[in-house]
Amino acid sequence: MAKTMKIKKGDLVQVISGRSQKNGGDRGKQGKVIAVFPDSERVLVEGINRVTKHIKAGATPRGSRTGGLTHTEAPIHVSNVMIVDPESKKPTRIKTRVETVERDGRPKASRVRVAVKSDKDL
């Protein structure tokens, strides 16, 4: 069964572990989450964990050649990234706050994700 993840698509995250930027790694870089894979607990982050893929040469119906090297992002484990605080632009943990909202004349509970450092909604 897939676990629920606190990081969602579209969140701004920062890489908190791995090789440092000075050694060719991604630690400290920030990027937007493109996709979330809860079954493998991984996220795809824009500009992070870029890998080189070799594409087999072929021809399109028009006759142009395809193939060569392409650079794409690879998934990174969710424990290696942290959500960025909207106020201080630094990594923070996430907590949930339950708010009661009036819908159709009845009170309804809704959960809101909140940054721990600044207590701002995400």
N, C-alpha and C. Protein backbone atom coordinates (compact mmCIF):
# COMPACT_ATOMS: atom_id res chain seq x y z
N MET A 1 0.83 -1.18 0.00
CA MET A 1 0.00 0.00 0.00
C MET A 1 0.88 1.25 0.00
N ALA A 2 0.52 2.23 -0.78
CA ALA A 2 1.30 3.47 -0.89
C ALA A 2 1.07 4.34 0.34
N LYS A 3 2.17 4.92 0.85
CA LYS A 3 2.07 5.82 1.98
C LYS A 3 1.64 7.20 1.51
N THR A 4 1.01 7.95 2.42
CA THR A 4 0.67 9.32 2.08
C THR A 4 1.92 10.17 2.27
N MET A 5 2.09 11.13 1.36
CA MET A 5 3.28 11.96 1.40
C MET A 5 2.89 13.40 1.66
N LYS A 6 3.72 14.12 2.42
CA LYS A 6 3.42 15.50 2.76
C LYS A 6 3.78 16.45 1.63
N ILE A 7 4.61 16.00 0.70
CA ILE A 7 5.01 16.84 -0.43
C ILE A 7 4.08 16.58 -1.59
N LYS A 8 3.58 17.65 -2.19
CA LYS A 8 2.62 17.55 -3.29
C LYS A 8 3.22 18.13 -4.57
N LYS A 9 2.56 17.84 -5.68
CA LYS A 9 2.98 18.39 -6.97
C LYS A 9 2.86 19.91 -6.95
N GLY A 10 3.88 20.60 -7.44
CA GLY A 10 3.85 22.06 -7.47
C GLY A 10 4.54 22.71 -6.28
N ASP A 11 4.92 21.95 -5.25
CA ASP A 11 5.61 22.50 -4.09
C ASP A 11 7.04 22.88 -4.45
N LEU A 12 7.57 23.90 -3.78
CA LEU A 12 8.98 24.27 -3.92
C LEU A 12 9.74 23.52 -2.84
N VAL A 13 10.74 22.71 -3.25
CA VAL A 13 11.49 21.90 -2.30
C VAL A 13 12.98 22.18 -2.45
N GLN A 14 13.74 21.81 -1.40
CA GLN A 14 15.19 21.95 -1.42
C GLN A 14 15.80 20.59 -1.09
N VAL A 15 16.89 20.24 -1.79
CA VAL A 15 17.59 18.98 -1.55
C VAL A 15 18.42 19.16 -0.29
N ILE A 16 18.25 18.24 0.68
CA ILE A 16 18.93 18.39 1.96
C ILE A 16 20.02 17.35 2.18
N SER A 17 20.15 16.37 1.30
CA SER A 17 21.20 15.37 1.46
C SER A 17 21.77 14.96 0.12
N GLY A 18 22.92 14.34 0.15
CA GLY A 18 23.60 13.94 -1.07
C GLY A 18 24.90 14.70 -1.22
N ARG A 19 25.46 14.65 -2.43
CA ARG A 19 26.73 15.34 -2.69
C ARG A 19 26.50 16.84 -2.76
N SER A 20 27.47 17.60 -2.25
CA SER A 20 27.36 19.05 -2.27
C SER A 20 27.53 19.57 -3.69
N GLN A 21 27.11 20.80 -3.91
CA GLN A 21 27.19 21.40 -5.24
C GLN A 21 28.63 21.54 -5.70
N LYS A 22 29.54 21.77 -4.77
CA LYS A 22 30.94 21.96 -5.15
C LYS A 22 31.55 20.66 -5.65
N ASN A 23 30.98 19.53 -5.27
CA ASN A 23 31.44 18.22 -5.75
C ASN A 23 30.57 17.67 -6.87
N GLY A 24 29.75 18.53 -7.47
CA GLY A 24 28.94 18.10 -8.61
C GLY A 24 27.59 17.54 -8.23
N GLY A 25 27.16 17.70 -6.98
CA GLY A 25 25.88 17.17 -6.54
C GLY A 25 24.78 18.22 -6.56
N ASP A 26 23.66 17.89 -5.93
CA ASP A 26 22.49 18.77 -5.95
C ASP A 26 22.10 19.29 -4.58
N ARG A 27 22.87 18.97 -3.52
CA ARG A 27 22.48 19.40 -2.18
C ARG A 27 22.46 20.92 -2.09
N GLY A 28 21.36 21.47 -1.56
CA GLY A 28 21.20 22.90 -1.43
C GLY A 28 20.41 23.54 -2.56
N LYS A 29 20.21 22.81 -3.66
CA LYS A 29 19.46 23.36 -4.79
C LYS A 29 17.97 23.31 -4.50
N GLN A 30 17.23 24.27 -5.08
CA GLN A 30 15.77 24.30 -4.93
C GLN A 30 15.13 24.10 -6.28
N GLY A 31 13.94 23.47 -6.28
CA GLY A 31 13.21 23.25 -7.51
C GLY A 31 11.77 22.92 -7.23
N LYS A 32 10.94 22.99 -8.27
CA LYS A 32 9.52 22.72 -8.15
C LYS A 32 9.26 21.24 -8.42
N VAL A 33 8.35 20.64 -7.65
CA VAL A 33 8.01 19.23 -7.81
C VAL A 33 7.16 19.07 -9.08
N ILE A 34 7.63 18.20 -9.99
CA ILE A 34 6.92 17.95 -11.24
C ILE A 34 5.93 16.81 -11.07
N ALA A 35 6.36 15.74 -10.38
CA ALA A 35 5.50 14.56 -10.20
C ALA A 35 5.83 13.91 -8.87
N VAL A 36 4.85 13.19 -8.31
CA VAL A 36 4.99 12.48 -7.04
C VAL A 36 4.65 11.02 -7.27
N PHE A 37 5.51 10.11 -6.78
CA PHE A 37 5.29 8.67 -6.91
C PHE A 37 5.18 8.07 -5.51
N PRO A 38 3.94 8.00 -4.95
CA PRO A 38 3.78 7.51 -3.57
C PRO A 38 4.14 6.05 -3.39
N ASP A 39 3.99 5.21 -4.42
CA ASP A 39 4.28 3.79 -4.26
C ASP A 39 5.76 3.55 -4.02
N SER A 40 6.65 4.34 -4.63
CA SER A 40 8.08 4.18 -4.41
C SER A 40 8.65 5.28 -3.51
N GLU A 41 7.78 6.16 -3.00
CA GLU A 41 8.15 7.26 -2.11
C GLU A 41 9.22 8.16 -2.74
N ARG A 42 9.01 8.52 -4.00
CA ARG A 42 9.96 9.37 -4.71
C ARG A 42 9.24 10.56 -5.34
N VAL A 43 10.00 11.62 -5.58
CA VAL A 43 9.47 12.81 -6.23
C VAL A 43 10.38 13.19 -7.39
N LEU A 44 9.79 13.81 -8.40
CA LEU A 44 10.52 14.29 -9.57
C LEU A 44 10.60 15.81 -9.43
N VAL A 45 11.82 16.34 -9.33
CA VAL A 45 12.00 17.77 -9.08
C VAL A 45 12.68 18.42 -10.29
N GLU A 46 12.16 19.57 -10.67
CA GLU A 46 12.65 20.29 -11.84
C GLU A 46 14.10 20.74 -11.63
N GLY A 47 15.00 20.30 -12.51
CA GLY A 47 16.40 20.70 -12.47
C GLY A 47 17.26 19.94 -11.49
N ILE A 48 16.69 18.97 -10.78
CA ILE A 48 17.42 18.21 -9.77
C ILE A 48 17.60 16.76 -10.24
N ASN A 49 18.77 16.17 -9.94
CA ASN A 49 19.08 14.77 -10.27
C ASN A 49 18.97 14.54 -11.77
N ARG A 50 19.61 15.43 -12.55
CA ARG A 50 19.57 15.31 -14.01
C ARG A 50 20.50 14.19 -14.45
N VAL A 51 19.98 13.33 -15.32
CA VAL A 51 20.74 12.20 -15.84
C VAL A 51 20.80 12.29 -17.36
N THR A 52 21.82 11.69 -17.94
CA THR A 52 21.98 11.65 -19.38
C THR A 52 21.46 10.33 -19.89
N LYS A 53 20.54 10.38 -20.84
CA LYS A 53 19.99 9.16 -21.43
C LYS A 53 20.42 9.07 -22.87
N HIS A 54 20.77 7.86 -23.28
CA HIS A 54 21.14 7.61 -24.67
C HIS A 54 19.89 7.13 -25.41
N ILE A 55 19.50 7.84 -26.44
CA ILE A 55 18.32 7.49 -27.23
C ILE A 55 18.80 6.84 -28.52
N LYS A 56 18.25 5.68 -28.80
CA LYS A 56 18.63 4.94 -30.00
C LYS A 56 18.27 5.73 -31.26
N ALA A 57 19.17 5.74 -32.22
CA ALA A 57 18.95 6.48 -33.46
C ALA A 57 17.84 5.84 -34.27
N GLY A 58 17.02 6.67 -34.86
CA GLY A 58 15.91 6.20 -35.69
C GLY A 58 15.49 7.29 -36.62
N ALA A 59 14.45 7.04 -37.37
CA ALA A 59 13.95 8.05 -38.32
C ALA A 59 12.47 8.28 -38.07
N THR A 60 12.06 9.54 -38.14
CA THR A 60 10.66 9.87 -38.03
C THR A 60 10.00 9.68 -39.39
N PRO A 61 8.67 9.68 -39.46
CA PRO A 61 7.99 9.51 -40.75
C PRO A 61 8.39 10.57 -41.79
N ARG A 62 8.80 11.74 -41.34
CA ARG A 62 9.22 12.79 -42.27
C ARG A 62 10.62 12.54 -42.83
N GLY A 63 11.37 11.68 -42.15
CA GLY A 63 12.71 11.36 -42.64
C GLY A 63 13.83 11.97 -41.83
N SER A 64 13.50 12.78 -40.80
CA SER A 64 14.57 13.37 -40.00
C SER A 64 15.09 12.35 -39.00
N ARG A 65 16.35 12.50 -38.63
CA ARG A 65 16.99 11.57 -37.71
C ARG A 65 16.67 11.93 -36.26
N THR A 66 16.49 10.93 -35.44
CA THR A 66 16.29 11.14 -34.01
C THR A 66 17.38 10.38 -33.27
N GLY A 67 17.46 10.59 -31.99
CA GLY A 67 18.44 9.86 -31.19
C GLY A 67 19.52 10.78 -30.67
N GLY A 68 20.44 10.20 -29.94
CA GLY A 68 21.53 10.95 -29.34
C GLY A 68 21.39 11.00 -27.83
N LEU A 69 21.93 12.05 -27.24
CA LEU A 69 21.90 12.21 -25.80
C LEU A 69 20.84 13.21 -25.39
N THR A 70 20.06 12.86 -24.36
CA THR A 70 19.09 13.80 -23.79
C THR A 70 19.31 13.86 -22.29
N HIS A 71 19.04 15.02 -21.72
CA HIS A 71 19.18 15.21 -20.27
C HIS A 71 17.79 15.33 -19.67
N THR A 72 17.46 14.44 -18.74
CA THR A 72 16.16 14.47 -18.07
C THR A 72 16.35 14.33 -16.57
N GLU A 73 15.30 14.67 -15.82
CA GLU A 73 15.35 14.53 -14.37
C GLU A 73 14.98 13.09 -13.99
N ALA A 74 15.63 12.58 -12.96
CA ALA A 74 15.32 11.26 -12.41
C ALA A 74 14.68 11.47 -11.04
N PRO A 75 13.82 10.52 -10.61
CA PRO A 75 13.18 10.67 -9.30
C PRO A 75 14.19 10.64 -8.15
N ILE A 76 13.89 11.37 -7.09
CA ILE A 76 14.73 11.42 -5.90
C ILE A 76 13.86 11.03 -4.71
N HIS A 77 14.44 10.34 -3.73
CA HIS A 77 13.65 9.88 -2.58
C HIS A 77 13.14 11.07 -1.78
N VAL A 78 11.91 10.94 -1.29
CA VAL A 78 11.23 12.04 -0.62
C VAL A 78 11.94 12.44 0.68
N SER A 79 12.71 11.53 1.28
CA SER A 79 13.42 11.86 2.52
C SER A 79 14.62 12.76 2.26
N ASN A 80 15.03 12.89 1.01
CA ASN A 80 16.19 13.72 0.66
C ASN A 80 15.81 15.15 0.30
N VAL A 81 14.51 15.47 0.32
CA VAL A 81 14.07 16.83 0.03
C VAL A 81 13.22 17.35 1.18
N MET A 82 13.18 18.68 1.29
CA MET A 82 12.39 19.34 2.33
C MET A 82 11.66 20.51 1.69
N ILE A 83 10.45 20.75 2.12
CA ILE A 83 9.66 21.83 1.56
C ILE A 83 10.25 23.17 1.99
N VAL A 84 10.14 24.19 1.13
CA VAL A 84 10.72 25.50 1.40
C VAL A 84 9.66 26.41 2.01
N ASP A 85 10.05 27.08 3.09
CA ASP A 85 9.18 28.03 3.78
C ASP A 85 8.89 29.21 2.85
N PRO A 86 7.61 29.58 2.66
CA PRO A 86 7.30 30.68 1.74
C PRO A 86 7.80 32.05 2.23
N GLU A 87 8.05 32.19 3.52
CA GLU A 87 8.47 33.48 4.06
C GLU A 87 9.99 33.64 4.06
N SER A 88 10.72 32.65 4.61
CA SER A 88 12.17 32.78 4.74
C SER A 88 12.95 32.12 3.61
N LYS A 89 12.28 31.38 2.74
CA LYS A 89 12.92 30.67 1.61
C LYS A 89 13.96 29.65 2.08
N LYS A 90 13.75 29.11 3.28
CA LYS A 90 14.63 28.07 3.82
C LYS A 90 13.81 26.82 4.07
N PRO A 91 14.46 25.63 4.13
CA PRO A 91 13.72 24.38 4.34
C PRO A 91 13.02 24.36 5.70
N THR A 92 11.84 23.75 5.72
CA THR A 92 11.07 23.65 6.96
C THR A 92 10.29 22.35 6.98
N ARG A 93 9.86 21.97 8.17
CA ARG A 93 8.99 20.80 8.30
C ARG A 93 7.55 21.25 8.07
N ILE A 94 6.65 20.27 7.96
CA ILE A 94 5.24 20.57 7.70
C ILE A 94 4.40 19.99 8.82
N LYS A 95 3.40 20.78 9.25
CA LYS A 95 2.40 20.26 10.17
C LYS A 95 1.04 20.53 9.57
N THR A 96 0.02 19.88 10.09
CA THR A 96 -1.33 20.10 9.59
C THR A 96 -2.17 20.74 10.68
N ARG A 97 -3.00 21.68 10.26
CA ARG A 97 -3.90 22.36 11.18
C ARG A 97 -5.33 22.08 10.71
N VAL A 98 -6.19 21.71 11.63
CA VAL A 98 -7.58 21.41 11.30
C VAL A 98 -8.41 22.67 11.51
N GLU A 99 -9.10 23.08 10.46
CA GLU A 99 -9.96 24.27 10.54
C GLU A 99 -11.39 23.86 10.25
N THR A 100 -12.32 24.51 10.92
CA THR A 100 -13.73 24.25 10.63
C THR A 100 -14.23 25.30 9.65
N VAL A 101 -14.81 24.81 8.56
CA VAL A 101 -15.30 25.68 7.49
C VAL A 101 -16.80 25.47 7.36
N GLU A 102 -17.52 26.54 7.12
CA GLU A 102 -18.98 26.47 6.97
C GLU A 102 -19.31 26.15 5.51
N ARG A 103 -19.89 24.98 5.26
CA ARG A 103 -20.29 24.59 3.89
C ARG A 103 -21.74 24.15 3.89
N ASP A 104 -22.53 24.76 3.05
CA ASP A 104 -23.95 24.43 2.93
C ASP A 104 -24.66 24.55 4.27
N GLY A 105 -24.24 25.49 5.09
CA GLY A 105 -24.88 25.72 6.37
C GLY A 105 -24.46 24.76 7.46
N ARG A 106 -23.50 23.86 7.16
CA ARG A 106 -23.02 22.90 8.16
C ARG A 106 -21.52 23.08 8.37
N PRO A 107 -21.05 22.92 9.61
CA PRO A 107 -19.61 23.02 9.84
C PRO A 107 -18.89 21.76 9.32
N LYS A 108 -17.79 21.97 8.64
CA LYS A 108 -17.03 20.86 8.07
C LYS A 108 -15.56 21.08 8.40
N ALA A 109 -14.86 20.00 8.80
CA ALA A 109 -13.45 20.09 9.15
C ALA A 109 -12.59 19.94 7.89
N SER A 110 -11.58 20.81 7.76
CA SER A 110 -10.66 20.68 6.64
C SER A 110 -9.23 20.82 7.17
N ARG A 111 -8.31 20.06 6.57
CA ARG A 111 -6.91 20.09 7.00
C ARG A 111 -6.12 21.03 6.09
N VAL A 112 -5.25 21.82 6.71
CA VAL A 112 -4.42 22.77 5.98
C VAL A 112 -2.96 22.48 6.31
N ARG A 113 -2.10 22.44 5.28
CA ARG A 113 -0.67 22.24 5.51
C ARG A 113 -0.04 23.57 5.92
N VAL A 114 0.78 23.52 6.97
CA VAL A 114 1.37 24.74 7.54
C VAL A 114 2.86 24.53 7.71
N ALA A 115 3.66 25.56 7.39
CA ALA A 115 5.11 25.52 7.62
C ALA A 115 5.38 25.70 9.09
N VAL A 116 6.27 24.86 9.65
CA VAL A 116 6.54 24.90 11.08
C VAL A 116 7.29 26.17 11.48
N LYS A 117 8.27 26.61 10.66
CA LYS A 117 9.09 27.76 11.02
C LYS A 117 8.30 29.06 11.09
N SER A 118 7.50 29.35 10.07
CA SER A 118 6.82 30.65 10.01
C SER A 118 5.32 30.58 10.32
N ASP A 119 4.78 29.37 10.45
CA ASP A 119 3.36 29.15 10.72
C ASP A 119 2.48 29.70 9.59
N LYS A 120 3.00 29.76 8.36
CA LYS A 120 2.23 30.21 7.19
C LYS A 120 1.66 29.02 6.47
N ASP A 121 0.50 29.21 5.82
CA ASP A 121 -0.13 28.15 5.03
C ASP A 121 0.69 27.87 3.77
N LEU A 122 0.70 26.60 3.39
CA LEU A 122 1.40 26.20 2.15
C LEU A 122 0.44 26.04 1.01
